[in-house]
Amino acid sequence: MEAAARRRQHPGAAGGPGAQPGASFLQARHGSVNADEAAGTAPFHLDLWFYFTLQNWVLDFGRPIAMLVFPLEWFPLNKPSVGDYFHMAYNVITPFLLLKWLFYCL
């Protein structure tokens, strides 16, 4: 019963006799860093914050405003409206901003 209650350890886990070279790296990445140390070393990316904010304000909040400003005659019913173009731009630009953020994190 005692063996079943114990957690099963893999060979090489926690730097044991059969430790793999990447085991200490994984331990350092997961749990050994204090929250204060991680918060102190993480940079604040002002450019990404600015791009996401500008995109949100212009393309998301500006969409209904643009639909009120531009005349309906410019966008017939068989074509996308100005709001649809704003929405398409939002959907195209967001993945590129997320990729930029992802490359910052690596």
PDB file of N, CA and C in Angstrom:
ATOM      1  N   MET A   1       0.831  -1.191   0.000  1.00  0.00           N
ATOM      2  CA  MET A   1       0.000   0.000   0.000  1.00  0.00           C
ATOM      3  C   MET A   1       0.871   1.248   0.000  1.00  0.00           C
ATOM      4  N   GLU A   2       1.985   1.178   0.716  1.00  0.00           N
ATOM      5  CA  GLU A   2       2.875   2.319   0.826  1.00  0.00           C
ATOM      6  C   GLU A   2       3.477   2.675  -0.534  1.00  0.00           C
ATOM      7  N   ALA A   3       3.797   1.676  -1.343  1.00  0.00           N
ATOM      8  CA  ALA A   3       4.385   1.927  -2.655  1.00  0.00           C
ATOM      9  C   ALA A   3       3.370   2.588  -3.581  1.00  0.00           C
ATOM     10  N   ALA A   4       2.110   2.230  -3.427  1.00  0.00           N
ATOM     11  CA  ALA A   4       1.085   2.823  -4.283  1.00  0.00           C
ATOM     12  C   ALA A   4       0.840   4.281  -3.912  1.00  0.00           C
ATOM     13  N   ALA A   5       1.048   4.633  -2.654  1.00  0.00           N
ATOM     14  CA  ALA A   5       0.811   6.003  -2.215  1.00  0.00           C
ATOM     15  C   ALA A   5       1.945   6.941  -2.625  1.00  0.00           C
ATOM     16  N   ARG A   6       3.137   6.386  -2.812  1.00  0.00           N
ATOM     17  CA  ARG A   6       4.265   7.230  -3.211  1.00  0.00           C
ATOM     18  C   ARG A   6       4.146   7.636  -4.666  1.00  0.00           C
ATOM     19  N   ARG A   7       4.655   8.804  -4.965  1.00  0.00           N
ATOM     20  CA  ARG A   7       4.679   9.244  -6.355  1.00  0.00           C
ATOM     21  C   ARG A   7       5.766   8.504  -7.103  1.00  0.00           C
ATOM     22  N   ARG A   8       5.476   8.168  -8.299  1.00  0.00           N
ATOM     23  CA  ARG A   8       6.440   7.440  -9.121  1.00  0.00           C
ATOM     24  C   ARG A   8       7.427   8.438  -9.706  1.00  0.00           C
ATOM     25  N   GLN A   9       8.707   8.194  -9.522  1.00  0.00           N
ATOM     26  CA  GLN A   9       9.733   9.075 -10.058  1.00  0.00           C
ATOM     27  C   GLN A   9      10.361   8.424 -11.278  1.00  0.00           C
ATOM     28  N   HIS A  10      10.547   9.232 -12.286  1.00  0.00           N
ATOM     29  CA  HIS A  10      11.185   8.748 -13.498  1.00  0.00           C
ATOM     30  C   HIS A  10      12.692   8.726 -13.289  1.00  0.00           C
ATOM     31  N   PRO A  11      13.389   7.788 -13.950  1.00  0.00           N
ATOM     32  CA  PRO A  11      14.845   7.799 -13.836  1.00  0.00           C
ATOM     33  C   PRO A  11      15.395   9.088 -14.438  1.00  0.00           C
ATOM     34  N   GLY A  12      16.220   9.761 -13.695  1.00  0.00           N
ATOM     35  CA  GLY A  12      16.807  10.998 -14.176  1.00  0.00           C
ATOM     36  C   GLY A  12      16.048  12.231 -13.719  1.00  0.00           C
ATOM     37  N   ALA A  13      14.929  12.038 -13.052  1.00  0.00           N
ATOM     38  CA  ALA A  13      14.190  13.197 -12.569  1.00  0.00           C
ATOM     39  C   ALA A  13      14.890  13.751 -11.345  1.00  0.00           C
ATOM     40  N   ALA A  14      14.818  15.042 -11.164  1.00  0.00           N
ATOM     41  CA  ALA A  14      15.372  15.744 -10.002  1.00  0.00           C
ATOM     42  C   ALA A  14      16.876  15.555  -9.863  1.00  0.00           C
ATOM     43  N   GLY A  15      17.554  15.384 -10.972  1.00  0.00           N
ATOM     44  CA  GLY A  15      19.014  15.331 -10.932  1.00  0.00           C
ATOM     45  C   GLY A  15      19.563  14.065 -10.302  1.00  0.00           C
ATOM     46  N   GLY A  16      18.850  12.969 -10.386  1.00  0.00           N
ATOM     47  CA  GLY A  16      19.285  11.695  -9.806  1.00  0.00           C
ATOM     48  C   GLY A  16      20.415  11.079 -10.595  1.00  0.00           C
ATOM     49  N   PRO A  17      20.689   9.789 -10.327  1.00  0.00           N
ATOM     50  CA  PRO A  17      21.836   9.149 -10.956  1.00  0.00           C
ATOM     51  C   PRO A  17      21.722   9.062 -12.479  1.00  0.00           C
ATOM     52  N   GLY A  18      20.517   8.909 -13.005  1.00  0.00           N
ATOM     53  CA  GLY A  18      20.382   8.825 -14.466  1.00  0.00           C
ATOM     54  C   GLY A  18      19.916  10.142 -15.051  1.00  0.00           C
ATOM     55  N   ALA A  19      20.350  11.235 -14.511  1.00  0.00           N
ATOM     56  CA  ALA A  19      19.841  12.555 -14.911  1.00  0.00           C
ATOM     57  C   ALA A  19      20.196  12.860 -16.358  1.00  0.00           C
ATOM     58  N   GLN A  20      19.233  13.428 -17.034  1.00  0.00           N
ATOM     59  CA  GLN A  20      19.452  13.858 -18.405  1.00  0.00           C
ATOM     60  C   GLN A  20      19.981  15.277 -18.387  1.00  0.00           C
ATOM     61  N   PRO A  21      20.681  15.694 -19.450  1.00  0.00           N
ATOM     62  CA  PRO A  21      21.270  17.035 -19.450  1.00  0.00           C
ATOM     63  C   PRO A  21      20.250  18.159 -19.323  1.00  0.00           C
ATOM     64  N   GLY A  22      19.033  17.992 -19.839  1.00  0.00           N
ATOM     65  CA  GLY A  22      18.044  19.057 -19.792  1.00  0.00           C
ATOM     66  C   GLY A  22      17.235  19.094 -18.519  1.00  0.00           C
ATOM     67  N   ALA A  23      17.456  18.139 -17.597  1.00  0.00           N
ATOM     68  CA  ALA A  23      16.622  18.065 -16.395  1.00  0.00           C
ATOM     69  C   ALA A  23      16.810  19.296 -15.510  1.00  0.00           C
ATOM     70  N   SER A  24      18.045  19.758 -15.338  1.00  0.00           N
ATOM     71  CA  SER A  24      18.253  20.931 -14.492  1.00  0.00           C
ATOM     72  C   SER A  24      17.661  22.179 -15.134  1.00  0.00           C
ATOM     73  N   PHE A  25      17.665  22.223 -16.463  1.00  0.00           N
ATOM     74  CA  PHE A  25      17.043  23.351 -17.157  1.00  0.00           C
ATOM     75  C   PHE A  25      15.537  23.369 -16.888  1.00  0.00           C
ATOM     76  N   LEU A  26      14.905  22.196 -16.959  1.00  0.00           N
ATOM     77  CA  LEU A  26      13.464  22.134 -16.720  1.00  0.00           C
ATOM     78  C   LEU A  26      13.137  22.516 -15.282  1.00  0.00           C
ATOM     79  N   GLN A  27      13.978  22.093 -14.355  1.00  0.00           N
ATOM     80  CA  GLN A  27      13.735  22.461 -12.965  1.00  0.00           C
ATOM     81  C   GLN A  27      13.895  23.961 -12.778  1.00  0.00           C
ATOM     82  N   ALA A  28      14.847  24.554 -13.459  1.00  0.00           N
ATOM     83  CA  ALA A  28      15.049  25.991 -13.327  1.00  0.00           C
ATOM     84  C   ALA A  28      13.897  26.764 -13.957  1.00  0.00           C
ATOM     85  N   ARG A  29      13.315  26.227 -15.006  1.00  0.00           N
ATOM     86  CA  ARG A  29      12.228  26.924 -15.679  1.00  0.00           C
ATOM     87  C   ARG A  29      10.918  26.811 -14.907  1.00  0.00           C
ATOM     88  N   HIS A  30      10.702  25.721 -14.206  1.00  0.00           N
ATOM     89  CA  HIS A  30       9.403  25.453 -13.599  1.00  0.00           C
ATOM     90  C   HIS A  30       9.501  25.424 -12.083  1.00  0.00           C
ATOM     91  N   GLY A  31       9.234  26.547 -11.457  1.00  0.00           N
ATOM     92  CA  GLY A  31       9.031  26.540 -10.022  1.00  0.00           C
ATOM     93  C   GLY A  31      10.185  27.001  -9.163  1.00  0.00           C
ATOM     94  N   SER A  32      11.402  27.036  -9.664  1.00  0.00           N
ATOM     95  CA  SER A  32      12.496  27.398  -8.780  1.00  0.00           C
ATOM     96  C   SER A  32      12.740  28.907  -8.746  1.00  0.00           C
ATOM     97  N   VAL A  33      12.101  29.660  -9.619  1.00  0.00           N
ATOM     98  CA  VAL A  33      12.278  31.108  -9.651  1.00  0.00           C
ATOM     99  C   VAL A  33      11.164  31.750  -8.837  1.00  0.00           C
ATOM    100  N   ASN A  34      11.550  32.652  -7.939  1.00  0.00           N
ATOM    101  CA  ASN A  34      10.553  33.362  -7.142  1.00  0.00           C
ATOM    102  C   ASN A  34       9.758  34.308  -8.012  1.00  0.00           C
ATOM    103  N   ALA A  35       8.566  34.652  -7.565  1.00  0.00           N
ATOM    104  CA  ALA A  35       7.715  35.574  -8.320  1.00  0.00           C
ATOM    105  C   ALA A  35       8.356  36.956  -8.378  1.00  0.00           C
ATOM    106  N   ASP A  36       9.030  37.361  -7.298  1.00  0.00           N
ATOM    107  CA  ASP A  36       9.677  38.672  -7.289  1.00  0.00           C
ATOM    108  C   ASP A  36      10.815  38.736  -8.302  1.00  0.00           C
ATOM    109  N   GLU A  37      11.592  37.659  -8.406  1.00  0.00           N
ATOM    110  CA  GLU A  37      12.696  37.634  -9.359  1.00  0.00           C
ATOM    111  C   GLU A  37      12.178  37.664 -10.786  1.00  0.00           C
ATOM    112  N   ALA A  38      11.125  36.908 -11.062  1.00  0.00           N
ATOM    113  CA  ALA A  38      10.575  36.860 -12.414  1.00  0.00           C
ATOM    114  C   ALA A  38       9.966  38.201 -12.794  1.00  0.00           C
ATOM    115  N   ALA A  39       9.287  38.847 -11.873  1.00  0.00           N
ATOM    116  CA  ALA A  39       8.661  40.138 -12.173  1.00  0.00           C
ATOM    117  C   ALA A  39       9.726  41.218 -12.363  1.00  0.00           C
ATOM    118  N   GLY A  40      10.824  41.133 -11.654  1.00  0.00           N
ATOM    119  CA  GLY A  40      11.868  42.135 -11.764  1.00  0.00           C
ATOM    120  C   GLY A  40      12.649  42.036 -13.059  1.00  0.00           C
ATOM    121  N   THR A  41      12.722  40.846 -13.660  1.00  0.00           N
ATOM    122  CA  THR A  41      13.517  40.677 -14.863  1.00  0.00           C
ATOM    123  C   THR A  41      12.688  40.742 -16.135  1.00  0.00           C
ATOM    124  N   ALA A  42      11.361  40.638 -16.049  1.00  0.00           N
ATOM    125  CA  ALA A  42      10.527  40.656 -17.245  1.00  0.00           C
ATOM    126  C   ALA A  42      10.387  42.093 -17.747  1.00  0.00           C
ATOM    127  N   PRO A  43      10.824  42.351 -18.978  1.00  0.00           N
ATOM    128  CA  PRO A  43      10.729  43.722 -19.497  1.00  0.00           C
ATOM    129  C   PRO A  43       9.301  44.043 -19.919  1.00  0.00           C
ATOM    130  N   PHE A  44       8.952  45.304 -19.851  1.00  0.00           N
ATOM    131  CA  PHE A  44       7.649  45.766 -20.315  1.00  0.00           C
ATOM    132  C   PHE A  44       7.823  46.269 -21.741  1.00  0.00           C
ATOM    133  N   HIS A  45       7.139  45.647 -22.678  1.00  0.00           N
ATOM    134  CA  HIS A  45       7.287  45.987 -24.086  1.00  0.00           C
ATOM    135  C   HIS A  45       6.296  47.088 -24.444  1.00  0.00           C
ATOM    136  N   LEU A  46       6.758  48.305 -24.346  1.00  0.00           N
ATOM    137  CA  LEU A  46       5.901  49.461 -24.595  1.00  0.00           C
ATOM    138  C   LEU A  46       5.416  49.489 -26.039  1.00  0.00           C
ATOM    139  N   ASP A  47       6.248  49.050 -26.977  1.00  0.00           N
ATOM    140  CA  ASP A  47       5.836  49.072 -28.373  1.00  0.00           C
ATOM    141  C   ASP A  47       4.659  48.134 -28.620  1.00  0.00           C
ATOM    142  N   LEU A  48       4.701  46.923 -28.054  1.00  0.00           N
ATOM    143  CA  LEU A  48       3.580  45.999 -28.228  1.00  0.00           C
ATOM    144  C   LEU A  48       2.324  46.522 -27.554  1.00  0.00           C
ATOM    145  N   TRP A  49       2.478  47.086 -26.370  1.00  0.00           N
ATOM    146  CA  TRP A  49       1.326  47.660 -25.678  1.00  0.00           C
ATOM    147  C   TRP A  49       0.706  48.765 -26.532  1.00  0.00           C
ATOM    148  N   PHE A  50       1.541  49.600 -27.124  1.00  0.00           N
ATOM    149  CA  PHE A  50       1.048  50.686 -27.969  1.00  0.00           C
ATOM    150  C   PHE A  50       0.338  50.140 -29.203  1.00  0.00           C
ATOM    151  N   TYR A  51       0.928  49.130 -29.888  1.00  0.00           N
ATOM    152  CA  TYR A  51       0.316  48.574 -31.098  1.00  0.00           C
ATOM    153  C   TYR A  51      -1.037  47.939 -30.798  1.00  0.00           C
ATOM    154  N   PHE A  52      -1.102  47.137 -29.730  1.00  0.00           N
ATOM    155  CA  PHE A  52      -2.371  46.495 -29.382  1.00  0.00           C
ATOM    156  C   PHE A  52      -3.425  47.534 -28.996  1.00  0.00           C
ATOM    157  N   THR A  53      -3.037  48.569 -28.265  1.00  0.00           N
ATOM    158  CA  THR A  53      -3.984  49.607 -27.869  1.00  0.00           C
ATOM    159  C   THR A  53      -4.473  50.389 -29.084  1.00  0.00           C
ATOM    160  N   LEU A  54      -3.551  50.780 -29.944  1.00  0.00           N
ATOM    161  CA  LEU A  54      -3.933  51.527 -31.140  1.00  0.00           C
ATOM    162  C   LEU A  54      -4.843  50.692 -32.041  1.00  0.00           C
ATOM    163  N   GLN A  55      -4.495  49.429 -32.213  1.00  0.00           N
ATOM    164  CA  GLN A  55      -5.311  48.555 -33.036  1.00  0.00           C
ATOM    165  C   GLN A  55      -6.703  48.398 -32.455  1.00  0.00           C
ATOM    166  N   ASN A  56      -6.790  48.226 -31.158  1.00  0.00           N
ATOM    167  CA  ASN A  56      -8.086  48.036 -30.529  1.00  0.00           C
ATOM    168  C   ASN A  56      -8.940  49.291 -30.654  1.00  0.00           C
ATOM    169  N   TRP A  57      -8.360  50.451 -30.380  1.00  0.00           N
ATOM    170  CA  TRP A  57      -9.136  51.683 -30.445  1.00  0.00           C
ATOM    171  C   TRP A  57      -9.569  52.006 -31.868  1.00  0.00           C
ATOM    172  N   VAL A  58      -8.667  51.889 -32.827  1.00  0.00           N
ATOM    173  CA  VAL A  58      -8.999  52.284 -34.194  1.00  0.00           C
ATOM    174  C   VAL A  58      -9.904  51.256 -34.866  1.00  0.00           C
ATOM    175  N   LEU A  59      -9.511  49.986 -34.817  1.00  0.00           N
ATOM    176  CA  LEU A  59     -10.230  48.988 -35.610  1.00  0.00           C
ATOM    177  C   LEU A  59     -11.443  48.402 -34.901  1.00  0.00           C
ATOM    178  N   ASP A  60     -11.428  48.324 -33.587  1.00  0.00           N
ATOM    179  CA  ASP A  60     -12.564  47.731 -32.886  1.00  0.00           C
ATOM    180  C   ASP A  60     -13.569  48.798 -32.470  1.00  0.00           C
ATOM    181  N   PHE A  61     -13.114  49.816 -31.751  1.00  0.00           N
ATOM    182  CA  PHE A  61     -14.021  50.877 -31.320  1.00  0.00           C
ATOM    183  C   PHE A  61     -14.370  51.828 -32.470  1.00  0.00           C
ATOM    184  N   GLY A  62     -13.496  51.955 -33.442  1.00  0.00           N
ATOM    185  CA  GLY A  62     -13.759  52.849 -34.556  1.00  0.00           C
ATOM    186  C   GLY A  62     -14.672  52.264 -35.609  1.00  0.00           C
ATOM    187  N   ARG A  63     -14.906  50.974 -35.555  1.00  0.00           N
ATOM    188  CA  ARG A  63     -15.742  50.326 -36.568  1.00  0.00           C
ATOM    189  C   ARG A  63     -17.162  50.880 -36.600  1.00  0.00           C
ATOM    190  N   PRO A  64     -17.889  50.939 -35.483  1.00  0.00           N
ATOM    191  CA  PRO A  64     -19.246  51.503 -35.580  1.00  0.00           C
ATOM    192  C   PRO A  64     -19.244  52.996 -35.907  1.00  0.00           C
ATOM    193  N   ILE A  65     -18.218  53.699 -35.480  1.00  0.00           N
ATOM    194  CA  ILE A  65     -18.124  55.131 -35.806  1.00  0.00           C
ATOM    195  C   ILE A  65     -17.926  55.306 -37.309  1.00  0.00           C
ATOM    196  N   ALA A  66     -17.061  54.489 -37.906  1.00  0.00           N
ATOM    197  CA  ALA A  66     -16.836  54.565 -39.354  1.00  0.00           C
ATOM    198  C   ALA A  66     -18.093  54.190 -40.116  1.00  0.00           C
ATOM    199  N   MET A  67     -18.875  53.261 -39.586  1.00  0.00           N
ATOM    200  CA  MET A  67     -20.113  52.881 -40.265  1.00  0.00           C
ATOM    201  C   MET A  67     -21.120  54.034 -40.253  1.00  0.00           C
ATOM    202  N   LEU A  68     -21.061  54.873 -39.218  1.00  0.00           N
ATOM    203  CA  LEU A  68     -21.952  56.044 -39.168  1.00  0.00           C
ATOM    204  C   LEU A  68     -21.441  57.177 -40.056  1.00  0.00           C
ATOM    205  N   VAL A  69     -20.117  57.299 -40.191  1.00  0.00           N
ATOM    206  CA  VAL A  69     -19.525  58.422 -40.909  1.00  0.00           C
ATOM    207  C   VAL A  69     -19.584  58.219 -42.423  1.00  0.00           C
ATOM    208  N   PHE A  70     -19.204  57.038 -42.908  1.00  0.00           N
ATOM    209  CA  PHE A  70     -19.155  56.795 -44.350  1.00  0.00           C
ATOM    210  C   PHE A  70     -20.563  56.545 -44.887  1.00  0.00           C
ATOM    211  N   PRO A  71     -20.893  57.120 -46.044  1.00  0.00           N
ATOM    212  CA  PRO A  71     -22.237  56.929 -46.595  1.00  0.00           C
ATOM    213  C   PRO A  71     -22.465  55.495 -47.081  1.00  0.00           C
ATOM    214  N   LEU A  72     -23.682  55.029 -46.950  1.00  0.00           N
ATOM    215  CA  LEU A  72     -24.014  53.664 -47.355  1.00  0.00           C
ATOM    216  C   LEU A  72     -23.904  53.468 -48.864  1.00  0.00           C
ATOM    217  N   GLU A  73     -23.996  54.549 -49.633  1.00  0.00           N
ATOM    218  CA  GLU A  73     -23.906  54.430 -51.087  1.00  0.00           C
ATOM    219  C   GLU A  73     -22.525  53.958 -51.532  1.00  0.00           C
ATOM    220  N   TRP A  74     -21.508  54.198 -50.720  1.00  0.00           N
ATOM    221  CA  TRP A  74     -20.164  53.749 -51.060  1.00  0.00           C
ATOM    222  C   TRP A  74     -20.001  52.243 -50.892  1.00  0.00           C
ATOM    223  N   PHE A  75     -20.893  51.639 -50.152  1.00  0.00           N
ATOM    224  CA  PHE A  75     -20.791  50.205 -49.856  1.00  0.00           C
ATOM    225  C   PHE A  75     -22.132  49.539 -50.171  1.00  0.00           C
ATOM    226  N   PRO A  76     -22.346  49.117 -51.436  1.00  0.00           N
ATOM    227  CA  PRO A  76     -23.611  48.458 -51.773  1.00  0.00           C
ATOM    228  C   PRO A  76     -23.765  47.139 -51.010  1.00  0.00           C
ATOM    229  N   LEU A  77     -24.993  46.634 -50.975  1.00  0.00           N
ATOM    230  CA  LEU A  77     -25.290  45.450 -50.161  1.00  0.00           C
ATOM    231  C   LEU A  77     -24.580  44.189 -50.644  1.00  0.00           C
ATOM    232  N   ASN A  78     -24.167  44.158 -51.911  1.00  0.00           N
ATOM    233  CA  ASN A  78     -23.464  42.959 -52.395  1.00  0.00           C
ATOM    234  C   ASN A  78     -21.952  43.040 -52.163  1.00  0.00           C
ATOM    235  N   LYS A  79     -21.488  44.076 -51.489  1.00  0.00           N
ATOM    236  CA  LYS A  79     -20.070  44.250 -51.155  1.00  0.00           C
ATOM    237  C   LYS A  79     -19.930  44.386 -49.634  1.00  0.00           C
ATOM    238  N   PRO A  80     -18.730  44.125 -49.113  1.00  0.00           N
ATOM    239  CA  PRO A  80     -18.529  44.312 -47.660  1.00  0.00           C
ATOM    240  C   PRO A  80     -18.658  45.775 -47.253  1.00  0.00           C
ATOM    241  N   SER A  81     -19.159  46.002 -46.055  1.00  0.00           N
ATOM    242  CA  SER A  81     -19.299  47.373 -45.544  1.00  0.00           C
ATOM    243  C   SER A  81     -17.972  47.844 -44.962  1.00  0.00           C
ATOM    244  N   VAL A  82     -17.933  49.105 -44.575  1.00  0.00           N
ATOM    245  CA  VAL A  82     -16.716  49.653 -43.972  1.00  0.00           C
ATOM    246  C   VAL A  82     -16.413  48.931 -42.657  1.00  0.00           C
ATOM    247  N   GLY A  83     -17.436  48.558 -41.914  1.00  0.00           N
ATOM    248  CA  GLY A  83     -17.225  47.804 -40.676  1.00  0.00           C
ATOM    249  C   GLY A  83     -16.611  46.441 -40.937  1.00  0.00           C
ATOM    250  N   ASP A  84     -17.011  45.816 -42.045  1.00  0.00           N
ATOM    251  CA  ASP A  84     -16.418  44.524 -42.412  1.00  0.00           C
ATOM    252  C   ASP A  84     -14.943  44.670 -42.757  1.00  0.00           C
ATOM    253  N   TYR A  85     -14.597  45.762 -43.430  1.00  0.00           N
ATOM    254  CA  TYR A  85     -13.180  45.999 -43.751  1.00  0.00           C
ATOM    255  C   TYR A  85     -12.361  46.236 -42.475  1.00  0.00           C
ATOM    256  N   PHE A  86     -12.924  46.968 -41.538  1.00  0.00           N
ATOM    257  CA  PHE A  86     -12.237  47.168 -40.257  1.00  0.00           C
ATOM    258  C   PHE A  86     -12.057  45.832 -39.545  1.00  0.00           C
ATOM    259  N   HIS A  87     -13.092  45.017 -39.578  1.00  0.00           N
ATOM    260  CA  HIS A  87     -13.018  43.713 -38.909  1.00  0.00           C
ATOM    261  C   HIS A  87     -11.988  42.806 -39.590  1.00  0.00           C
ATOM    262  N   MET A  88     -11.940  42.844 -40.907  1.00  0.00           N
ATOM    263  CA  MET A  88     -10.943  42.042 -41.630  1.00  0.00           C
ATOM    264  C   MET A  88      -9.527  42.515 -41.294  1.00  0.00           C
ATOM    265  N   ALA A  89      -9.333  43.823 -41.249  1.00  0.00           N
ATOM    266  CA  ALA A  89      -8.004  44.348 -40.900  1.00  0.00           C
ATOM    267  C   ALA A  89      -7.617  43.921 -39.492  1.00  0.00           C
ATOM    268  N   TYR A  90      -8.566  43.949 -38.560  1.00  0.00           N
ATOM    269  CA  TYR A  90      -8.307  43.524 -37.180  1.00  0.00           C
ATOM    270  C   TYR A  90      -7.877  42.056 -37.148  1.00  0.00           C
ATOM    271  N   ASN A  91      -8.564  41.229 -37.923  1.00  0.00           N
ATOM    272  CA  ASN A  91      -8.259  39.797 -37.945  1.00  0.00           C
ATOM    273  C   ASN A  91      -6.953  39.477 -38.662  1.00  0.00           C
ATOM    274  N   VAL A  92      -6.496  40.346 -39.545  1.00  0.00           N
ATOM    275  CA  VAL A  92      -5.230  40.119 -40.240  1.00  0.00           C
ATOM    276  C   VAL A  92      -4.052  40.630 -39.406  1.00  0.00           C
ATOM    277  N   ILE A  93      -4.211  41.769 -38.756  1.00  0.00           N
ATOM    278  CA  ILE A  93      -3.116  42.393 -38.020  1.00  0.00           C
ATOM    279  C   ILE A  93      -2.836  41.690 -36.696  1.00  0.00           C
ATOM    280  N   THR A  94      -3.877  41.216 -36.011  1.00  0.00           N
ATOM    281  CA  THR A  94      -3.705  40.609 -34.684  1.00  0.00           C
ATOM    282  C   THR A  94      -2.736  39.430 -34.674  1.00  0.00           C
ATOM    283  N   PRO A  95      -2.812  38.464 -35.601  1.00  0.00           N
ATOM    284  CA  PRO A  95      -1.838  37.363 -35.550  1.00  0.00           C
ATOM    285  C   PRO A  95      -0.390  37.815 -35.687  1.00  0.00           C
ATOM    286  N   PHE A  96      -0.148  38.859 -36.482  1.00  0.00           N
ATOM    287  CA  PHE A  96       1.220  39.347 -36.622  1.00  0.00           C
ATOM    288  C   PHE A  96       1.722  40.000 -35.334  1.00  0.00           C
ATOM    289  N   LEU A  97       0.839  40.720 -34.643  1.00  0.00           N
ATOM    290  CA  LEU A  97       1.233  41.288 -33.350  1.00  0.00           C
ATOM    291  C   LEU A  97       1.475  40.183 -32.323  1.00  0.00           C
ATOM    292  N   LEU A  98       0.659  39.141 -32.365  1.00  0.00           N
ATOM    293  CA  LEU A  98       0.862  38.023 -31.441  1.00  0.00           C
ATOM    294  C   LEU A  98       2.161  37.286 -31.751  1.00  0.00           C
ATOM    295  N   LEU A  99       2.504  37.163 -33.024  1.00  0.00           N
ATOM    296  CA  LEU A  99       3.788  36.542 -33.385  1.00  0.00           C
ATOM    297  C   LEU A  99       4.954  37.373 -32.886  1.00  0.00           C
ATOM    298  N   LYS A 100       4.834  38.683 -33.007  1.00  0.00           N
ATOM    299  CA  LYS A 100       5.900  39.555 -32.497  1.00  0.00           C
ATOM    300  C   LYS A 100       6.046  39.389 -31.001  1.00  0.00           C
ATOM    301  N   TRP A 101       4.916  39.312 -30.288  1.00  0.00           N
ATOM    302  CA  TRP A 101       4.940  39.085 -28.837  1.00  0.00           C
ATOM    303  C   TRP A 101       5.554  37.731 -28.509  1.00  0.00           C
ATOM    304  N   LEU A 102       5.222  36.715 -29.307  1.00  0.00           N
ATOM    305  CA  LEU A 102       5.766  35.384 -29.068  1.00  0.00           C
ATOM    306  C   LEU A 102       7.280  35.374 -29.236  1.00  0.00           C
ATOM    307  N   PHE A 103       7.800  36.066 -30.248  1.00  0.00           N
ATOM    308  CA  PHE A 103       9.241  36.097 -30.460  1.00  0.00           C
ATOM    309  C   PHE A 103       9.954  36.904 -29.373  1.00  0.00           C
ATOM    310  N   TYR A 104       9.268  37.869 -28.764  1.00  0.00           N
ATOM    311  CA  TYR A 104       9.838  38.567 -27.621  1.00  0.00           C
ATOM    312  C   TYR A 104       9.999  37.613 -26.438  1.00  0.00           C
ATOM    313  N   CYS A 105       9.031  36.714 -26.289  1.00  0.00           N
ATOM    314  CA  CYS A 105       9.049  35.795 -25.136  1.00  0.00           C
ATOM    315  C   CYS A 105      10.094  34.697 -25.289  1.00  0.00           C
ATOM    316  N   LEU A 106      10.477  34.393 -26.500  1.00  0.00           N
ATOM    317  CA  LEU A 106      11.467  33.325 -26.690  1.00  0.00           C
ATOM    318  C   LEU A 106      12.786  33.877 -26.405  1.00  0.00           C
TER     319      LEU A 106
END
